[in-house]
Protein backbone atom coordinates (compact mmCIF):
# COMPACT_ATOMS: atom_id res chain seq x y z
CA UNK A 1 0.00 0.00 0.00
CA UNK A 2 2.30 2.74 -1.22
CA UNK A 3 1.19 6.29 -1.75
CA UNK A 4 -1.51 6.21 0.94
CA UNK A 5 -0.06 9.04 3.06
CA UNK A 6 2.69 11.63 2.75
CA UNK A 7 5.82 11.45 4.89
CA UNK A 8 4.61 14.42 6.92
CA UNK A 9 1.25 12.74 7.57
CA UNK A 10 2.91 9.53 8.74
CA UNK A 11 5.17 11.42 11.13
CA UNK A 12 2.29 13.55 12.43
CA UNK A 13 0.07 10.51 13.01
CA UNK A 14 2.72 8.73 15.05
CA UNK A 15 3.73 11.84 16.98
CA UNK A 16 0.12 12.53 17.96
CA UNK A 17 -1.14 8.97 18.27
CA UNK A 18 1.77 7.54 20.25
CA UNK A 19 3.16 10.75 21.74
CA UNK A 20 6.52 10.27 20.04
CA UNK A 21 8.87 13.24 20.12
CA UNK A 22 9.50 12.78 16.40
CA UNK A 23 8.04 10.59 13.72
CA UNK A 24 9.88 7.56 12.30
CA UNK A 25 10.74 9.25 9.01
CA UNK A 26 12.04 12.37 10.73
CA UNK A 27 14.11 10.07 12.95
CA UNK A 28 15.56 8.38 9.85
CA UNK A 29 16.50 11.80 8.47
CA UNK A 30 18.36 12.64 11.67
CA UNK A 31 20.16 9.32 12.01
CA UNK A 32 20.81 8.70 8.32
CA UNK A 33 19.49 5.95 6.09
CA UNK A 34 22.97 4.50 5.69
CA UNK A 35 23.12 3.86 9.45
CA UNK A 36 19.59 2.47 9.52
CA UNK A 37 20.45 0.10 6.67
CA UNK A 38 23.67 -0.94 8.41
CA UNK A 39 21.77 -1.75 11.61
CA UNK A 40 19.17 -3.73 9.70
CA UNK A 41 21.81 -5.70 7.78
CA UNK A 42 23.59 -6.50 11.04
CA UNK A 43 20.35 -7.71 12.66
CA UNK A 44 19.52 -9.77 9.56
CA UNK A 45 22.93 -11.46 9.50
CA UNK A 46 23.04 -12.06 13.25
CA UNK A 47 19.47 -13.25 13.73
CA UNK A 48 18.68 -14.63 10.29
CA UNK A 49 15.13 -13.28 10.37
CA UNK A 50 13.92 -11.88 7.04
CA UNK A 51 11.93 -9.14 8.78
CA UNK A 52 15.26 -7.36 9.35
CA UNK A 53 16.43 -7.56 5.73
CA UNK A 54 16.55 -4.00 4.30
CA UNK A 55 13.90 -3.43 1.65
CA UNK A 56 14.87 -2.60 -1.95
CA UNK A 57 13.60 0.99 -1.61
CA UNK A 58 15.94 1.62 1.34
CA UNK A 59 18.87 0.27 -0.66
CA UNK A 60 17.98 2.46 -3.66
CA UNK A 61 17.72 5.57 -1.51
CA UNK A 62 21.11 4.91 0.10
CA UNK A 63 22.73 4.28 -3.31
CA UNK A 64 21.18 7.50 -4.64
CA UNK A 65 22.65 9.45 -1.73
CA UNK A 66 19.38 10.29 0.02
CA UNK A 67 20.88 9.75 3.46
CA UNK A 68 19.24 12.51 5.47
CA UNK A 69 20.31 15.75 7.09
CA UNK A 70 24.04 14.94 7.09
CA UNK A 71 24.08 15.15 3.29
CA UNK A 72 21.36 17.77 2.92
CA UNK A 73 19.19 15.29 1.03
CA UNK A 74 16.21 14.40 3.19
CA UNK A 75 15.42 10.71 3.08
CA UNK A 76 11.76 11.06 4.06
CA UNK A 77 11.16 13.28 1.05
CA UNK A 78 12.82 10.60 -1.05
CA UNK A 79 10.66 7.92 0.50
CA UNK A 80 7.47 9.86 -0.07
CA UNK A 81 8.07 11.43 -3.46
CA UNK A 82 11.08 9.67 -4.92
CA UNK A 83 9.69 6.19 -5.40
CA UNK A 84 8.75 6.74 -9.01
CA UNK A 85 11.88 8.79 -9.73
CA UNK A 86 14.19 6.15 -8.28
CA UNK A 87 12.26 3.32 -9.88
CA UNK A 88 12.58 5.05 -13.24
CA UNK A 89 16.32 5.59 -12.78
CA UNK A 90 16.91 1.98 -11.79
CA UNK A 91 15.12 0.62 -14.83
CA UNK A 92 16.92 2.84 -17.30
CA UNK A 93 20.42 1.93 -16.15
PDB file of N, CA and C in Angstrom:
ATOM      1  N   UNK A   1       0.834  -1.183   0.000  1.00  0.00           N
ATOM      2  CA  UNK A   1       0.000   0.000   0.000  1.00  0.00           C
ATOM      3  C   UNK A   1       0.880   1.249   0.000  1.00  0.00           C
ATOM      4  N   UNK A   2       1.481   1.547  -1.113  1.00  0.00           N
ATOM      5  CA  UNK A   2       2.304   2.739  -1.222  1.00  0.00           C
ATOM      6  C   UNK A   2       1.458   3.907  -1.684  1.00  0.00           C
ATOM      7  N   UNK A   3       1.864   5.091  -1.309  1.00  0.00           N
ATOM      8  CA  UNK A   3       1.188   6.292  -1.751  1.00  0.00           C
ATOM      9  C   UNK A   3      -0.084   6.610  -0.986  1.00  0.00           C
ATOM     10  N   UNK A   4      -0.299   5.985   0.164  1.00  0.00           N
ATOM     11  CA  UNK A   4      -1.513   6.208   0.937  1.00  0.00           C
ATOM     12  C   UNK A   4      -1.423   7.507   1.731  1.00  0.00           C
ATOM     13  N   UNK A   5      -0.241   7.839   2.241  1.00  0.00           N
ATOM     14  CA  UNK A   5      -0.060   9.043   3.056  1.00  0.00           C
ATOM     15  C   UNK A   5       1.299   9.655   2.744  1.00  0.00           C
ATOM     16  N   UNK A   6       1.407  10.955   2.946  1.00  0.00           N
ATOM     17  CA  UNK A   6       2.690  11.630   2.752  1.00  0.00           C
ATOM     18  C   UNK A   6       3.591  11.355   3.952  1.00  0.00           C
ATOM     19  N   UNK A   7       4.869  11.637   3.799  1.00  0.00           N
ATOM     20  CA  UNK A   7       5.819  11.447   4.894  1.00  0.00           C
ATOM     21  C   UNK A   7       5.436  12.305   6.092  1.00  0.00           C
ATOM     22  N   UNK A   8       5.009  13.524   5.838  1.00  0.00           N
ATOM     23  CA  UNK A   8       4.608  14.420   6.917  1.00  0.00           C
ATOM     24  C   UNK A   8       3.399  13.869   7.669  1.00  0.00           C
ATOM     25  N   UNK A   9       2.439  13.305   6.939  1.00  0.00           N
ATOM     26  CA  UNK A   9       1.248  12.740   7.574  1.00  0.00           C
ATOM     27  C   UNK A   9       1.583  11.515   8.427  1.00  0.00           C
ATOM     28  N   UNK A  10       2.496  10.697   7.963  1.00  0.00           N
ATOM     29  CA  UNK A  10       2.914   9.528   8.738  1.00  0.00           C
ATOM     30  C   UNK A  10       3.567   9.975  10.041  1.00  0.00           C
ATOM     31  N   UNK A  11       4.494  10.925   9.936  1.00  0.00           N
ATOM     32  CA  UNK A  11       5.166  11.424  11.133  1.00  0.00           C
ATOM     33  C   UNK A  11       4.186  12.078  12.100  1.00  0.00           C
ATOM     34  N   UNK A  12       3.276  12.881  11.581  1.00  0.00           N
ATOM     35  CA  UNK A  12       2.290  13.552  12.434  1.00  0.00           C
ATOM     36  C   UNK A  12       1.394  12.537  13.131  1.00  0.00           C
ATOM     37  N   UNK A  13       0.951  11.527  12.410  1.00  0.00           N
ATOM     38  CA  UNK A  13       0.073  10.510  13.008  1.00  0.00           C
ATOM     39  C   UNK A  13       0.762   9.791  14.162  1.00  0.00           C
ATOM     40  N   UNK A  14       2.014   9.442  13.986  1.00  0.00           N
ATOM     41  CA  UNK A  14       2.718   8.726  15.050  1.00  0.00           C
ATOM     42  C   UNK A  14       3.109   9.646  16.199  1.00  0.00           C
ATOM     43  N   UNK A  15       3.442  10.888  15.894  1.00  0.00           N
ATOM     44  CA  UNK A  15       3.731  11.839  16.981  1.00  0.00           C
ATOM     45  C   UNK A  15       2.500  12.061  17.842  1.00  0.00           C
ATOM     46  N   UNK A  16       1.350  12.273  17.210  1.00  0.00           N
ATOM     47  CA  UNK A  16       0.123  12.532  17.956  1.00  0.00           C
ATOM     48  C   UNK A  16      -0.467  11.265  18.569  1.00  0.00           C
ATOM     49  N   UNK A  17      -0.501  10.195  17.816  1.00  0.00           N
ATOM     50  CA  UNK A  17      -1.139   8.969  18.274  1.00  0.00           C
ATOM     51  C   UNK A  17      -0.374   8.239  19.360  1.00  0.00           C
ATOM     52  N   UNK A  18       0.958   8.271  19.289  1.00  0.00           N
ATOM     53  CA  UNK A  18       1.768   7.536  20.253  1.00  0.00           C
ATOM     54  C   UNK A  18       2.618   8.453  21.129  1.00  0.00           C
ATOM     55  N   UNK A  19       2.421   9.741  20.984  1.00  0.00           N
ATOM     56  CA  UNK A  19       3.157  10.754  21.742  1.00  0.00           C
ATOM     57  C   UNK A  19       4.674  10.612  21.569  1.00  0.00           C
ATOM     58  N   UNK A  20       5.092  10.302  20.343  1.00  0.00           N
ATOM     59  CA  UNK A  20       6.519  10.270  20.037  1.00  0.00           C
ATOM     60  C   UNK A  20       7.028  11.702  19.938  1.00  0.00           C
ATOM     61  N   UNK A  21       8.293  11.905  20.261  1.00  0.00           N
ATOM     62  CA  UNK A  21       8.872  13.243  20.118  1.00  0.00           C
ATOM     63  C   UNK A  21       9.111  13.589  18.657  1.00  0.00           C
ATOM     64  N   UNK A  22       9.367  12.579  17.840  1.00  0.00           N
ATOM     65  CA  UNK A  22       9.504  12.781  16.397  1.00  0.00           C
ATOM     66  C   UNK A  22       8.998  11.527  15.700  1.00  0.00           C
ATOM     67  N   UNK A  23       8.545  11.712  14.493  1.00  0.00           N
ATOM     68  CA  UNK A  23       8.038  10.587  13.723  1.00  0.00           C
ATOM     69  C   UNK A  23       9.162   9.700  13.222  1.00  0.00           C
ATOM     70  N   UNK A  24       8.848   8.501  12.747  1.00  0.00           N
ATOM     71  CA  UNK A  24       9.883   7.562  12.303  1.00  0.00           C
ATOM     72  C   UNK A  24      10.674   8.056  11.089  1.00  0.00           C
ATOM     73  N   UNK A  25      10.027   8.769  10.196  1.00  0.00           N
ATOM     74  CA  UNK A  25      10.744   9.246   9.006  1.00  0.00           C
ATOM     75  C   UNK A  25      11.639  10.429   9.345  1.00  0.00           C
ATOM     76  N   UNK A  26      11.195  11.279  10.243  1.00  0.00           N
ATOM     77  CA  UNK A  26      12.039  12.372  10.731  1.00  0.00           C
ATOM     78  C   UNK A  26      13.251  11.799  11.467  1.00  0.00           C
ATOM     79  N   UNK A  27      13.021  10.739  12.239  1.00  0.00           N
ATOM     80  CA  UNK A  27      14.113  10.069  12.949  1.00  0.00           C
ATOM     81  C   UNK A  27      15.141   9.512  11.959  1.00  0.00           C
ATOM     82  N   UNK A  28      14.657   8.905  10.884  1.00  0.00           N
ATOM     83  CA  UNK A  28      15.560   8.384   9.853  1.00  0.00           C
ATOM     84  C   UNK A  28      16.390   9.498   9.230  1.00  0.00           C
ATOM     85  N   UNK A  29      15.768  10.661   9.013  1.00  0.00           N
ATOM     86  CA  UNK A  29      16.504  11.804   8.472  1.00  0.00           C
ATOM     87  C   UNK A  29      17.619  12.249   9.414  1.00  0.00           C
ATOM     88  N   UNK A  30      17.352  12.228  10.700  1.00  0.00           N
ATOM     89  CA  UNK A  30      18.362  12.640  11.670  1.00  0.00           C
ATOM     90  C   UNK A  30      19.498  11.637  11.773  1.00  0.00           C
ATOM     91  N   UNK A  31      19.164  10.369  11.826  1.00  0.00           N
ATOM     92  CA  UNK A  31      20.164   9.318  12.009  1.00  0.00           C
ATOM     93  C   UNK A  31      20.928   9.063  10.713  1.00  0.00           C
ATOM     94  N   UNK A  32      20.212   8.998   9.612  1.00  0.00           N
ATOM     95  CA  UNK A  32      20.810   8.700   8.318  1.00  0.00           C
ATOM     96  C   UNK A  32      20.400   7.319   7.855  1.00  0.00           C
ATOM     97  N   UNK A  33      19.936   7.240   6.624  1.00  0.00           N
ATOM     98  CA  UNK A  33      19.488   5.952   6.093  1.00  0.00           C
ATOM     99  C   UNK A  33      20.622   4.946   5.973  1.00  0.00           C
ATOM    100  N   UNK A  34      21.843   5.420   5.770  1.00  0.00           N
ATOM    101  CA  UNK A  34      22.967   4.496   5.692  1.00  0.00           C
ATOM    102  C   UNK A  34      23.174   3.776   7.023  1.00  0.00           C
ATOM    103  N   UNK A  35      22.994   4.495   8.132  1.00  0.00           N
ATOM    104  CA  UNK A  35      23.124   3.857   9.451  1.00  0.00           C
ATOM    105  C   UNK A  35      21.959   2.909   9.713  1.00  0.00           C
ATOM    106  N   UNK A  36      20.751   3.328   9.343  1.00  0.00           N
ATOM    107  CA  UNK A  36      19.586   2.473   9.519  1.00  0.00           C
ATOM    108  C   UNK A  36      19.770   1.172   8.743  1.00  0.00           C
ATOM    109  N   UNK A  37      20.241   1.287   7.495  1.00  0.00           N
ATOM    110  CA  UNK A  37      20.454   0.103   6.670  1.00  0.00           C
ATOM    111  C   UNK A  37      21.546  -0.781   7.265  1.00  0.00           C
ATOM    112  N   UNK A  38      22.592  -0.183   7.777  1.00  0.00           N
ATOM    113  CA  UNK A  38      23.666  -0.944   8.407  1.00  0.00           C
ATOM    114  C   UNK A  38      23.158  -1.716   9.617  1.00  0.00           C
ATOM    115  N   UNK A  39      22.345  -1.077  10.441  1.00  0.00           N
ATOM    116  CA  UNK A  39      21.772  -1.748  11.610  1.00  0.00           C
ATOM    117  C   UNK A  39      20.890  -2.914  11.183  1.00  0.00           C
ATOM    118  N   UNK A  40      20.068  -2.674  10.164  1.00  0.00           N
ATOM    119  CA  UNK A  40      19.166  -3.731   9.699  1.00  0.00           C
ATOM    120  C   UNK A  40      19.945  -4.907   9.118  1.00  0.00           C
ATOM    121  N   UNK A  41      20.997  -4.619   8.341  1.00  0.00           N
ATOM    122  CA  UNK A  41      21.809  -5.700   7.782  1.00  0.00           C
ATOM    123  C   UNK A  41      22.479  -6.501   8.886  1.00  0.00           C
ATOM    124  N   UNK A  42      22.957  -5.812   9.914  1.00  0.00           N
ATOM    125  CA  UNK A  42      23.589  -6.499  11.044  1.00  0.00           C
ATOM    126  C   UNK A  42      22.578  -7.419  11.734  1.00  0.00           C
ATOM    127  N   UNK A  43      21.386  -6.894  12.026  1.00  0.00           N
ATOM    128  CA  UNK A  43      20.349  -7.715  12.663  1.00  0.00           C
ATOM    129  C   UNK A  43      19.982  -8.914  11.787  1.00  0.00           C
ATOM    130  N   UNK A  44      19.868  -8.681  10.478  1.00  0.00           N
ATOM    131  CA  UNK A  44      19.518  -9.766   9.559  1.00  0.00           C
ATOM    132  C   UNK A  44      20.584 -10.861   9.579  1.00  0.00           C
ATOM    133  N   UNK A  45      21.859 -10.462   9.523  1.00  0.00           N
ATOM    134  CA  UNK A  45      22.934 -11.458   9.497  1.00  0.00           C
ATOM    135  C   UNK A  45      23.090 -12.166  10.841  1.00  0.00           C
ATOM    136  N   UNK A  46      22.899 -11.448  11.931  1.00  0.00           N
ATOM    137  CA  UNK A  46      23.043 -12.061  13.253  1.00  0.00           C
ATOM    138  C   UNK A  46      21.867 -12.969  13.610  1.00  0.00           C
ATOM    139  N   UNK A  47      20.657 -12.513  13.311  1.00  0.00           N
ATOM    140  CA  UNK A  47      19.469 -13.252  13.733  1.00  0.00           C
ATOM    141  C   UNK A  47      18.885 -14.146  12.647  1.00  0.00           C
ATOM    142  N   UNK A  48      19.172 -13.821  11.389  1.00  0.00           N
ATOM    143  CA  UNK A  48      18.682 -14.634  10.286  1.00  0.00           C
ATOM    144  C   UNK A  48      17.195 -14.494  10.000  1.00  0.00           C
ATOM    145  N   UNK A  49      16.573 -13.484  10.565  1.00  0.00           N
ATOM    146  CA  UNK A  49      15.132 -13.279  10.374  1.00  0.00           C
ATOM    147  C   UNK A  49      14.914 -12.302   9.217  1.00  0.00           C
ATOM    148  N   UNK A  50      14.117 -12.708   8.233  1.00  0.00           N
ATOM    149  CA  UNK A  50      13.925 -11.884   7.036  1.00  0.00           C
ATOM    150  C   UNK A  50      13.230 -10.553   7.322  1.00  0.00           C
ATOM    151  N   UNK A  51      12.576 -10.412   8.475  1.00  0.00           N
ATOM    152  CA  UNK A  51      11.930  -9.138   8.779  1.00  0.00           C
ATOM    153  C   UNK A  51      12.953  -8.017   8.961  1.00  0.00           C
ATOM    154  N   UNK A  52      14.223  -8.365   9.183  1.00  0.00           N
ATOM    155  CA  UNK A  52      15.264  -7.357   9.345  1.00  0.00           C
ATOM    156  C   UNK A  52      16.025  -7.068   8.055  1.00  0.00           C
ATOM    157  N   UNK A  53      15.731  -7.795   6.992  1.00  0.00           N
ATOM    158  CA  UNK A  53      16.433  -7.556   5.731  1.00  0.00           C
ATOM    159  C   UNK A  53      15.986  -6.211   5.163  1.00  0.00           C
ATOM    160  N   UNK A  54      16.935  -5.309   4.850  1.00  0.00           N
ATOM    161  CA  UNK A  54      16.551  -3.998   4.303  1.00  0.00           C
ATOM    162  C   UNK A  54      15.778  -4.143   2.996  1.00  0.00           C
ATOM    163  N   UNK A  55      14.727  -3.355   2.855  1.00  0.00           N
ATOM    164  CA  UNK A  55      13.897  -3.433   1.652  1.00  0.00           C
ATOM    165  C   UNK A  55      14.615  -2.798   0.462  1.00  0.00           C
ATOM    166  N   UNK A  56      14.224  -3.155  -0.754  1.00  0.00           N
ATOM    167  CA  UNK A  56      14.871  -2.601  -1.947  1.00  0.00           C
ATOM    168  C   UNK A  56      14.800  -1.068  -2.022  1.00  0.00           C
ATOM    169  N   UNK A  57      13.710  -0.464  -1.570  1.00  0.00           N
ATOM    170  CA  UNK A  57      13.600   0.995  -1.611  1.00  0.00           C
ATOM    171  C   UNK A  57      14.659   1.637  -0.729  1.00  0.00           C
ATOM    172  N   UNK A  58      14.905   1.088   0.446  1.00  0.00           N
ATOM    173  CA  UNK A  58      15.938   1.623   1.340  1.00  0.00           C
ATOM    174  C   UNK A  58      17.301   1.540   0.671  1.00  0.00           C
ATOM    175  N   UNK A  59      17.595   0.419   0.039  1.00  0.00           N
ATOM    176  CA  UNK A  59      18.874   0.265  -0.659  1.00  0.00           C
ATOM    177  C   UNK A  59      19.020   1.277  -1.803  1.00  0.00           C
ATOM    178  N   UNK A  60      17.939   1.497  -2.551  1.00  0.00           N
ATOM    179  CA  UNK A  60      17.978   2.459  -3.655  1.00  0.00           C
ATOM    180  C   UNK A  60      18.212   3.878  -3.150  1.00  0.00           C
ATOM    181  N   UNK A  61      17.549   4.233  -2.065  1.00  0.00           N
ATOM    182  CA  UNK A  61      17.720   5.575  -1.510  1.00  0.00           C
ATOM    183  C   UNK A  61      19.147   5.787  -1.020  1.00  0.00           C
ATOM    184  N   UNK A  62      19.726   4.788  -0.372  1.00  0.00           N
ATOM    185  CA  UNK A  62      21.110   4.907   0.095  1.00  0.00           C
ATOM    186  C   UNK A  62      22.061   5.029  -1.090  1.00  0.00           C
ATOM    187  N   UNK A  63      21.873   4.193  -2.113  1.00  0.00           N
ATOM    188  CA  UNK A  63      22.728   4.280  -3.305  1.00  0.00           C
ATOM    189  C   UNK A  63      22.608   5.624  -4.003  1.00  0.00           C
ATOM    190  N   UNK A  64      21.399   6.204  -3.982  1.00  0.00           N
ATOM    191  CA  UNK A  64      21.175   7.496  -4.645  1.00  0.00           C
ATOM    192  C   UNK A  64      21.672   8.674  -3.805  1.00  0.00           C
ATOM    193  N   UNK A  65      22.114   8.398  -2.577  1.00  0.00           N
ATOM    194  CA  UNK A  65      22.653   9.451  -1.734  1.00  0.00           C
ATOM    195  C   UNK A  65      21.629  10.191  -0.892  1.00  0.00           C
ATOM    196  N   UNK A  66      20.417   9.679  -0.822  1.00  0.00           N
ATOM    197  CA  UNK A  66      19.378  10.291   0.017  1.00  0.00           C
ATOM    198  C   UNK A  66      19.536   9.758   1.443  1.00  0.00           C
ATOM    199  N   UNK A  67      20.530  10.300   2.158  1.00  0.00           N
ATOM    200  CA  UNK A  67      20.876   9.748   3.461  1.00  0.00           C
ATOM    201  C   UNK A  67      20.245  10.502   4.621  1.00  0.00           C
ATOM    202  N   UNK A  68      19.840  11.728   4.394  1.00  0.00           N
ATOM    203  CA  UNK A  68      19.243  12.511   5.471  1.00  0.00           C
ATOM    204  C   UNK A  68      19.914  13.852   5.636  1.00  0.00           C
ATOM    205  N   UNK A  69      19.812  14.393   6.829  1.00  0.00           N
ATOM    206  CA  UNK A  69      20.310  15.749   7.094  1.00  0.00           C
ATOM    207  C   UNK A  69      21.809  15.884   6.908  1.00  0.00           C
ATOM    208  N   UNK A  70      22.575  14.846   7.190  1.00  0.00           N
ATOM    209  CA  UNK A  70      24.035  14.945   7.088  1.00  0.00           C
ATOM    210  C   UNK A  70      24.483  15.278   5.671  1.00  0.00           C
ATOM    211  N   UNK A  71      23.720  14.869   4.675  1.00  0.00           N
ATOM    212  CA  UNK A  71      24.082  15.148   3.287  1.00  0.00           C
ATOM    213  C   UNK A  71      23.249  16.270   2.689  1.00  0.00           C
ATOM    214  N   UNK A  72      22.250  16.732   3.443  1.00  0.00           N
ATOM    215  CA  UNK A  72      21.364  17.769   2.916  1.00  0.00           C
ATOM    216  C   UNK A  72      20.297  17.231   1.983  1.00  0.00           C
ATOM    217  N   UNK A  73      20.201  15.924   1.882  1.00  0.00           N
ATOM    218  CA  UNK A  73      19.189  15.289   1.029  1.00  0.00           C
ATOM    219  C   UNK A  73      18.274  14.467   1.921  1.00  0.00           C
ATOM    220  N   UNK A  74      17.134  15.027   2.244  1.00  0.00           N
ATOM    221  CA  UNK A  74      16.213  14.402   3.191  1.00  0.00           C
ATOM    222  C   UNK A  74      15.717  13.063   2.677  1.00  0.00           C
ATOM    223  N   UNK A  75      15.844  12.056   3.485  1.00  0.00           N
ATOM    224  CA  UNK A  75      15.424  10.714   3.078  1.00  0.00           C
ATOM    225  C   UNK A  75      13.913  10.559   3.084  1.00  0.00           C
ATOM    226  N   UNK A  76      13.218  11.224   4.015  1.00  0.00           N
ATOM    227  CA  UNK A  76      11.759  11.064   4.059  1.00  0.00           C
ATOM    228  C   UNK A  76      11.110  11.659   2.819  1.00  0.00           C
ATOM    229  N   UNK A  77      11.683  12.719   2.291  1.00  0.00           N
ATOM    230  CA  UNK A  77      11.160  13.278   1.046  1.00  0.00           C
ATOM    231  C   UNK A  77      11.403  12.284  -0.085  1.00  0.00           C
ATOM    232  N   UNK A  78      12.526  11.624  -0.045  1.00  0.00           N
ATOM    233  CA  UNK A  78      12.823  10.604  -1.049  1.00  0.00           C
ATOM    234  C   UNK A  78      11.900   9.420  -0.934  1.00  0.00           C
ATOM    235  N   UNK A  79      11.571   9.040   0.303  1.00  0.00           N
ATOM    236  CA  UNK A  79      10.665   7.918   0.497  1.00  0.00           C
ATOM    237  C   UNK A  79       9.264   8.252   0.024  1.00  0.00           C
ATOM    238  N   UNK A  80       8.836   9.486   0.277  1.00  0.00           N
ATOM    239  CA  UNK A  80       7.466   9.862  -0.068  1.00  0.00           C
ATOM    240  C   UNK A  80       7.318  10.180  -1.551  1.00  0.00           C
ATOM    241  N   UNK A  81       8.244  10.945  -2.093  1.00  0.00           N
ATOM    242  CA  UNK A  81       8.072  11.432  -3.459  1.00  0.00           C
ATOM    243  C   UNK A  81       8.992  10.764  -4.465  1.00  0.00           C
ATOM    244  N   UNK A  82      10.074  10.162  -3.999  1.00  0.00           N
ATOM    245  CA  UNK A  82      11.075   9.675  -4.921  1.00  0.00           C
ATOM    246  C   UNK A  82      10.897   8.253  -5.402  1.00  0.00           C
ATOM    247  N   UNK A  83       9.867   7.581  -4.978  1.00  0.00           N
ATOM    248  CA  UNK A  83       9.693   6.188  -5.398  1.00  0.00           C
ATOM    249  C   UNK A  83       9.681   6.061  -6.913  1.00  0.00           C
ATOM    250  N   UNK A  84       8.860   6.860  -7.558  1.00  0.00           N
ATOM    251  CA  UNK A  84       8.751   6.744  -9.008  1.00  0.00           C
ATOM    252  C   UNK A  84      10.022   7.227  -9.689  1.00  0.00           C
ATOM    253  N   UNK A  85      10.633   8.288  -9.162  1.00  0.00           N
ATOM    254  CA  UNK A  85      11.883   8.790  -9.732  1.00  0.00           C
ATOM    255  C   UNK A  85      12.969   7.742  -9.653  1.00  0.00           C
ATOM    256  N   UNK A  86      13.147   7.148  -8.457  1.00  0.00           N
ATOM    257  CA  UNK A  86      14.194   6.150  -8.280  1.00  0.00           C
ATOM    258  C   UNK A  86      13.898   4.893  -9.072  1.00  0.00           C
ATOM    259  N   UNK A  87      12.648   4.500  -9.114  1.00  0.00           N
ATOM    260  CA  UNK A  87      12.257   3.319  -9.879  1.00  0.00           C
ATOM    261  C   UNK A  87      12.588   3.546 -11.339  1.00  0.00           C
ATOM    262  N   UNK A  88      12.289   4.723 -11.847  1.00  0.00           N
ATOM    263  CA  UNK A  88      12.577   5.052 -13.237  1.00  0.00           C
ATOM    264  C   UNK A  88      14.062   5.048 -13.535  1.00  0.00           C
ATOM    265  N   UNK A  89      14.870   5.580 -12.613  1.00  0.00           N
ATOM    266  CA  UNK A  89      16.317   5.588 -12.781  1.00  0.00           C
ATOM    267  C   UNK A  89      16.877   4.181 -12.804  1.00  0.00           C
ATOM    268  N   UNK A  90      16.394   3.350 -11.888  1.00  0.00           N
ATOM    269  CA  UNK A  90      16.915   1.984 -11.789  1.00  0.00           C
ATOM    270  C   UNK A  90      16.617   1.168 -13.021  1.00  0.00           C
ATOM    271  N   UNK A  91      15.477   1.400 -13.644  1.00  0.00           N
ATOM    272  CA  UNK A  91      15.119   0.616 -14.825  1.00  0.00           C
ATOM    273  C   UNK A  91      15.867   1.078 -16.071  1.00  0.00           C
ATOM    274  N   UNK A  92      16.264   2.347 -16.100  1.00  0.00           N
ATOM    275  CA  UNK A  92      16.918   2.845 -17.296  1.00  0.00           C
ATOM    276  C   UNK A  92      18.393   2.529 -17.328  1.00  0.00           C
ATOM    277  N   UNK A  93      18.981   2.193 -16.184  1.00  0.00           N
ATOM    278  CA  UNK A  93      20.425   1.931 -16.145  1.00  0.00           C
ATOM    279  C   UNK A  93      20.724   0.472 -16.200  1.00  0.00           C
TER     280      UNK A  93
END
